[in-house]
Amino acid sequence: MSFSSDPLLGKVVWHDLITEDIDSARDFYAGLFGWTFEESRGSRGETYILARKDDLLVAGILGVSMPDDGNAYTRWLPYISVDDVDAAVSRGTAGGANVVVTPREVGFGRVAAITDPEGAVFGIARISIGDPDDSTTAAAPGRAVWTELLADDPAGAAGFYASTVGYDVRTIERRGGEYTMLSSDGIDRAGVFKKPSDAEAQSVWLTAFGVEDPAAAAAKAESLGGSILLPASPDLRDGTTAVITDPSGAVLVLRSWLNEGDKG
């Protein structure tokens, strides 16, 4: 990986899978994306897996214990680059956020995790060696290619992230309605779209991974123990996208990486 000498503020610089079943996750993502893995330890000694696609580090897998309260913690968690983690947490809490993981030092820098006012969880990070540059993280199969927020109130959510992270906000028209872009230094870094009125899921950040054929990839995911929530179809972004869960219930998006130029 190569790194930017200057922080790429607002860029989603990393993705962690939080899961209660590391072994199933390894088997599933190896079969779906061809990832390979190396084991390490988290900041508190917990098992932490680094995933690679070819020679590139693409994600982490963090093992957690089954919670006593019965809530499912399994999810994909994006980390957004900020200027100062502690200051960003303060800005977020002033805007209605709750702190999930207090700011702490890890092997590559300083991180925290908070929920936005609608309850969507996300991480923030200041990487000590610099952010992975855009050429390193260019769209390709098996890599994270886009990150977007499913929100009840896209305008309110965009305002929160503008004040917390420092994003510039603009709204575009696309098939199906308005789509909000979160950008920094003229580069689109993430998106926000309105949750369907009949959707049961809470507001959530969704990570999209590049695939050659979303329909075929979704079918493969199902054969590996995942589930298809929204199959690829002409009505869902012209067939370029499918939404699935892995065997432990973490939601992810399968997206044609060749269409990455059209983020909305």
Protein backbone atom coordinates (compact mmCIF):
# COMPACT_ATOMS: atom_id res chain seq x y z
CA MET A 1 0.00 0.00 0.00
CA SER A 2 1.07 3.58 -0.59
CA PHE A 3 0.03 6.46 1.63
CA SER A 4 -0.74 10.12 1.19
CA SER A 5 1.67 12.53 2.85
CA ASP A 6 -1.33 14.69 3.79
CA PRO A 7 -4.47 13.36 5.50
CA LEU A 8 -7.31 12.63 3.08
CA LEU A 9 -9.96 14.07 5.35
CA GLY A 10 -13.39 12.52 4.89
CA LYS A 11 -12.11 9.47 3.03
CA VAL A 12 -13.32 6.09 4.25
CA VAL A 13 -9.89 4.64 4.94
CA TRP A 14 -10.72 1.24 6.42
CA HIS A 15 -13.51 -1.28 6.98
CA ASP A 16 -13.81 -3.73 9.87
CA LEU A 17 -16.18 -6.67 10.03
CA ILE A 18 -17.39 -7.05 13.61
CA THR A 19 -18.48 -10.67 13.96
CA GLU A 20 -19.24 -13.33 16.52
CA ASP A 21 -18.01 -16.11 14.19
CA ILE A 22 -14.55 -15.45 12.74
CA ASP A 23 -14.16 -18.93 11.25
CA SER A 24 -17.40 -18.69 9.24
CA ALA A 25 -16.46 -15.18 8.12
CA ARG A 26 -13.08 -16.32 6.84
CA ASP A 27 -14.63 -19.17 4.87
CA PHE A 28 -17.37 -16.97 3.43
CA TYR A 29 -15.21 -14.05 2.29
CA ALA A 30 -12.46 -16.32 0.99
CA GLY A 31 -15.03 -18.08 -1.16
CA LEU A 32 -16.81 -14.92 -2.26
CA PHE A 33 -13.93 -12.51 -2.89
CA GLY A 34 -10.82 -14.72 -2.87
CA TRP A 35 -9.45 -13.04 0.25
CA THR A 36 -6.52 -14.45 2.18
CA PHE A 37 -5.92 -13.79 5.86
CA GLU A 38 -3.29 -13.23 8.50
CA GLU A 39 -3.98 -13.27 12.21
CA SER A 40 -2.97 -10.60 14.69
CA ARG A 41 -4.32 -9.14 17.93
CA GLY A 42 -6.47 -6.12 18.62
CA SER A 43 -5.65 -3.32 21.04
CA ARG A 44 -7.03 -5.35 23.97
CA GLY A 45 -5.68 -8.74 22.97
CA GLU A 46 -8.76 -9.87 21.04
CA THR A 47 -8.41 -11.85 17.82
CA TYR A 48 -8.05 -9.58 14.80
CA ILE A 49 -7.75 -10.82 11.22
CA LEU A 50 -6.25 -8.80 8.36
CA ALA A 51 -7.78 -9.63 4.98
CA ARG A 52 -5.93 -9.26 1.69
CA LYS A 53 -7.04 -9.30 -1.91
CA ASP A 54 -3.93 -10.36 -3.80
CA ASP A 55 -1.22 -8.29 -2.06
CA LEU A 56 -3.42 -5.43 -0.89
CA LEU A 57 -4.81 -5.11 2.63
CA VAL A 58 -8.55 -4.58 2.16
CA ALA A 59 -10.32 -5.09 5.51
CA GLY A 60 -10.13 -6.31 9.07
CA ILE A 61 -12.19 -8.90 10.92
CA LEU A 62 -12.67 -8.40 14.64
CA GLY A 63 -14.05 -11.18 16.79
CA VAL A 64 -16.52 -10.29 19.55
CA SER A 65 -18.32 -12.43 22.10
CA MET A 66 -22.04 -13.07 21.83
CA PRO A 67 -23.65 -10.22 23.83
CA ASP A 68 -25.73 -11.01 26.91
CA ASP A 69 -28.41 -8.50 25.92
CA GLY A 70 -29.35 -10.47 22.83
CA ASN A 71 -28.53 -7.63 20.43
CA ALA A 72 -26.59 -8.51 17.29
CA TYR A 73 -23.33 -6.60 17.00
CA THR A 74 -22.30 -8.19 13.71
CA ARG A 75 -21.81 -5.49 11.08
CA TRP A 76 -19.43 -3.86 8.64
CA LEU A 77 -17.94 -0.75 10.25
CA PRO A 78 -16.38 2.00 8.08
CA TYR A 79 -13.68 4.32 9.43
CA ILE A 80 -13.60 7.92 8.21
CA SER A 81 -10.40 9.97 8.21
CA VAL A 82 -10.62 13.05 10.45
CA ASP A 83 -8.22 15.78 11.45
CA ASP A 84 -8.32 14.96 15.17
CA VAL A 85 -10.20 12.00 16.61
CA ASP A 86 -10.93 13.54 20.01
CA ALA A 87 -12.10 16.82 18.47
CA ALA A 88 -14.32 14.94 16.00
CA VAL A 89 -15.89 12.97 18.86
CA SER A 90 -16.59 16.25 20.65
CA ARG A 91 -18.17 17.74 17.53
CA GLY A 92 -20.23 14.60 17.05
CA THR A 93 -21.56 14.45 20.59
CA ALA A 94 -22.44 18.14 20.40
CA GLY A 95 -24.52 17.22 17.33
CA GLY A 96 -26.36 14.36 19.04
CA ALA A 97 -23.95 11.42 18.66
CA ASN A 98 -23.34 8.73 21.28
CA VAL A 99 -19.88 7.29 21.91
CA VAL A 100 -19.57 3.53 21.36
CA VAL A 101 -15.77 3.23 21.62
CA THR A 102 -13.88 6.07 23.31
CA PRO A 103 -10.81 7.46 21.52
CA ARG A 104 -7.86 5.13 21.88
CA GLU A 105 -4.47 4.38 20.41
CA VAL A 106 -4.13 1.31 18.18
CA GLY A 107 -1.23 -0.01 16.16
CA PHE A 108 -1.72 2.36 13.22
CA GLY A 109 -2.95 5.51 14.97
CA ARG A 110 -5.93 6.72 16.97
CA VAL A 111 -9.56 5.62 16.51
CA ALA A 112 -13.02 5.87 18.04
CA ALA A 113 -16.54 4.73 17.16
CA ILE A 114 -19.75 6.71 17.58
CA THR A 115 -23.37 6.57 16.48
CA ASP A 116 -24.98 9.41 14.60
CA PRO A 117 -28.30 10.87 15.84
CA GLU A 118 -30.27 8.17 13.97
CA GLY A 119 -28.18 5.37 15.49
CA ALA A 120 -25.89 4.48 12.56
CA VAL A 121 -22.48 3.36 13.86
CA PHE A 122 -19.25 4.52 12.22
CA GLY A 123 -15.59 4.77 13.09
CA ILE A 124 -13.25 7.73 12.88
CA ALA A 125 -9.51 7.48 12.52
CA ARG A 126 -6.28 9.44 12.34
CA ILE A 127 -3.68 7.11 10.83
CA SER A 128 -0.15 7.86 12.00
CA ILE A 129 1.58 6.87 8.73
CA GLY A 130 -0.87 8.70 6.46
CA ASP A 131 -4.07 7.65 4.71
CA PRO A 132 -4.07 4.99 1.96
CA ASP A 133 -3.91 7.04 -1.23
CA ASP A 134 -6.59 6.94 -3.90
CA SER A 135 -4.47 4.97 -6.37
CA THR A 136 -3.95 2.21 -3.79
CA THR A 137 -7.67 1.95 -3.06
CA ALA A 138 -8.90 2.27 -6.66
CA ALA A 139 -12.04 0.26 -7.44
CA ALA A 140 -11.44 -3.41 -8.24
CA PRO A 141 -13.08 -6.77 -7.56
CA GLY A 142 -12.88 -7.81 -3.92
CA ARG A 143 -12.18 -4.30 -2.64
CA ALA A 144 -14.47 -1.81 -0.93
CA VAL A 145 -15.58 0.52 -3.74
CA TRP A 146 -18.16 2.78 -2.09
CA THR A 147 -19.75 3.56 1.29
CA GLU A 148 -23.18 5.05 1.82
CA LEU A 149 -25.56 5.83 4.63
CA LEU A 150 -29.17 4.67 4.68
CA ALA A 151 -30.97 7.39 6.66
CA ASP A 152 -34.47 8.46 7.65
CA ASP A 153 -33.54 12.13 7.20
CA PRO A 154 -30.76 12.48 4.59
CA ALA A 155 -30.57 16.27 4.94
CA GLY A 156 -30.27 16.09 8.71
CA ALA A 157 -27.72 13.29 8.48
CA ALA A 158 -25.66 15.19 5.92
CA GLY A 159 -25.63 18.21 8.21
CA PHE A 160 -24.39 16.07 11.09
CA TYR A 161 -21.53 14.62 9.04
CA ALA A 162 -20.66 18.03 7.63
CA SER A 163 -20.18 19.41 11.14
CA THR A 164 -18.53 16.29 12.58
CA VAL A 165 -16.19 15.33 9.72
CA GLY A 166 -16.06 18.52 7.65
CA TYR A 167 -17.76 17.25 4.50
CA ASP A 168 -19.09 19.42 1.72
CA VAL A 169 -22.64 18.41 0.83
CA ARG A 170 -24.52 18.43 -2.45
CA THR A 171 -27.68 16.73 -3.67
CA ILE A 172 -27.98 15.11 -7.10
CA GLU A 173 -30.87 13.53 -8.98
CA ARG A 174 -30.70 9.88 -9.88
CA ARG A 175 -33.09 7.14 -10.79
CA GLY A 176 -35.31 6.67 -7.75
CA GLY A 177 -34.96 10.18 -6.36
CA GLU A 178 -32.44 12.44 -4.66
CA TYR A 179 -29.01 11.26 -3.55
CA THR A 180 -26.71 13.23 -1.27
CA MET A 181 -22.97 13.28 -1.86
CA LEU A 182 -20.47 13.86 0.94
CA SER A 183 -17.24 15.23 -0.49
CA SER A 184 -13.93 16.69 0.60
CA ASP A 185 -11.47 18.69 -1.51
CA GLY A 186 -13.73 18.16 -4.52
CA ILE A 187 -13.73 14.35 -4.25
CA ASP A 188 -16.89 12.38 -3.48
CA ARG A 189 -16.14 10.25 -0.42
CA ALA A 190 -19.52 8.79 0.63
CA GLY A 191 -23.23 9.01 -0.08
CA VAL A 192 -26.50 9.32 1.81
CA PHE A 193 -29.89 8.12 0.60
CA LYS A 194 -33.33 7.96 2.13
CA LYS A 195 -34.43 4.77 3.76
CA PRO A 196 -37.58 3.37 2.10
CA SER A 197 -40.69 4.10 4.15
CA ASP A 198 -41.46 0.38 4.48
CA ALA A 199 -37.90 -0.61 5.47
CA GLU A 200 -37.61 -2.30 8.86
CA ALA A 201 -33.85 -1.82 9.19
CA GLN A 202 -32.51 1.05 11.27
CA SER A 203 -30.27 3.68 9.75
CA VAL A 204 -26.97 2.06 8.85
CA TRP A 205 -23.74 2.56 6.95
CA LEU A 206 -23.42 0.13 4.02
CA THR A 207 -20.11 -0.97 2.53
CA ALA A 208 -20.12 -1.93 -1.16
CA PHE A 209 -17.55 -4.40 -2.49
CA GLY A 210 -16.60 -4.65 -6.13
CA VAL A 211 -17.65 -7.69 -8.15
CA GLU A 212 -17.72 -8.52 -11.85
CA ASP A 213 -21.38 -9.61 -11.88
CA PRO A 214 -23.62 -8.69 -8.90
CA ALA A 215 -26.27 -11.33 -9.71
CA ALA A 216 -23.72 -14.13 -9.99
CA ALA A 217 -21.88 -12.93 -6.88
CA ALA A 218 -25.12 -12.85 -4.88
CA ALA A 219 -25.92 -16.40 -5.95
CA LYS A 220 -22.43 -17.48 -4.90
CA ALA A 221 -22.84 -15.73 -1.56
CA GLU A 222 -26.07 -17.64 -0.98
CA SER A 223 -24.33 -20.94 -1.77
CA LEU A 224 -21.69 -20.04 0.83
CA GLY A 225 -24.27 -19.54 3.58
CA GLY A 226 -25.24 -15.91 3.06
CA SER A 227 -28.67 -14.52 2.26
CA ILE A 228 -29.91 -12.25 -0.53
CA LEU A 229 -31.84 -9.24 0.74
CA LEU A 230 -32.19 -7.41 -2.58
CA PRO A 231 -31.25 -9.29 -5.75
CA ALA A 232 -29.64 -7.51 -8.67
CA SER A 233 -32.43 -6.25 -10.92
CA PRO A 234 -33.09 -3.46 -13.44
CA ASP A 235 -35.07 -1.66 -10.73
CA LEU A 236 -32.11 -1.60 -8.34
CA ARG A 237 -29.57 0.76 -9.92
CA ASP A 238 -29.92 -0.84 -13.34
CA GLY A 239 -28.76 -4.25 -12.14
CA THR A 240 -25.36 -3.02 -10.95
CA THR A 241 -26.05 -3.72 -7.26
CA ALA A 242 -27.23 -6.50 -4.96
CA VAL A 243 -27.61 -6.42 -1.18
CA ILE A 244 -26.78 -9.51 0.88
CA THR A 245 -25.88 -10.68 4.37
CA ASP A 246 -23.00 -12.91 5.30
CA PRO A 247 -23.70 -16.08 7.36
CA SER A 248 -23.62 -14.15 10.65
CA GLY A 249 -26.02 -11.44 9.43
CA ALA A 250 -23.68 -8.58 8.49
CA VAL A 251 -25.17 -6.58 5.61
CA LEU A 252 -23.02 -5.70 2.61
CA VAL A 253 -23.50 -4.52 -0.95
CA LEU A 254 -22.18 -6.24 -4.07
CA ARG A 255 -21.53 -3.63 -6.73
CA SER A 256 -20.22 -3.79 -10.27
CA TRP A 257 -16.84 -2.13 -9.94
CA LEU A 258 -16.95 -1.09 -13.61
CA ASN A 259 -19.81 1.29 -12.74
CA GLU A 260 -17.85 2.99 -9.98
CA GLY A 261 -17.78 6.23 -11.94
CA ASP A 262 -21.51 6.62 -11.24
CA LYS A 263 -21.55 6.66 -7.45
CA GLY A 264 -25.25 7.39 -7.11
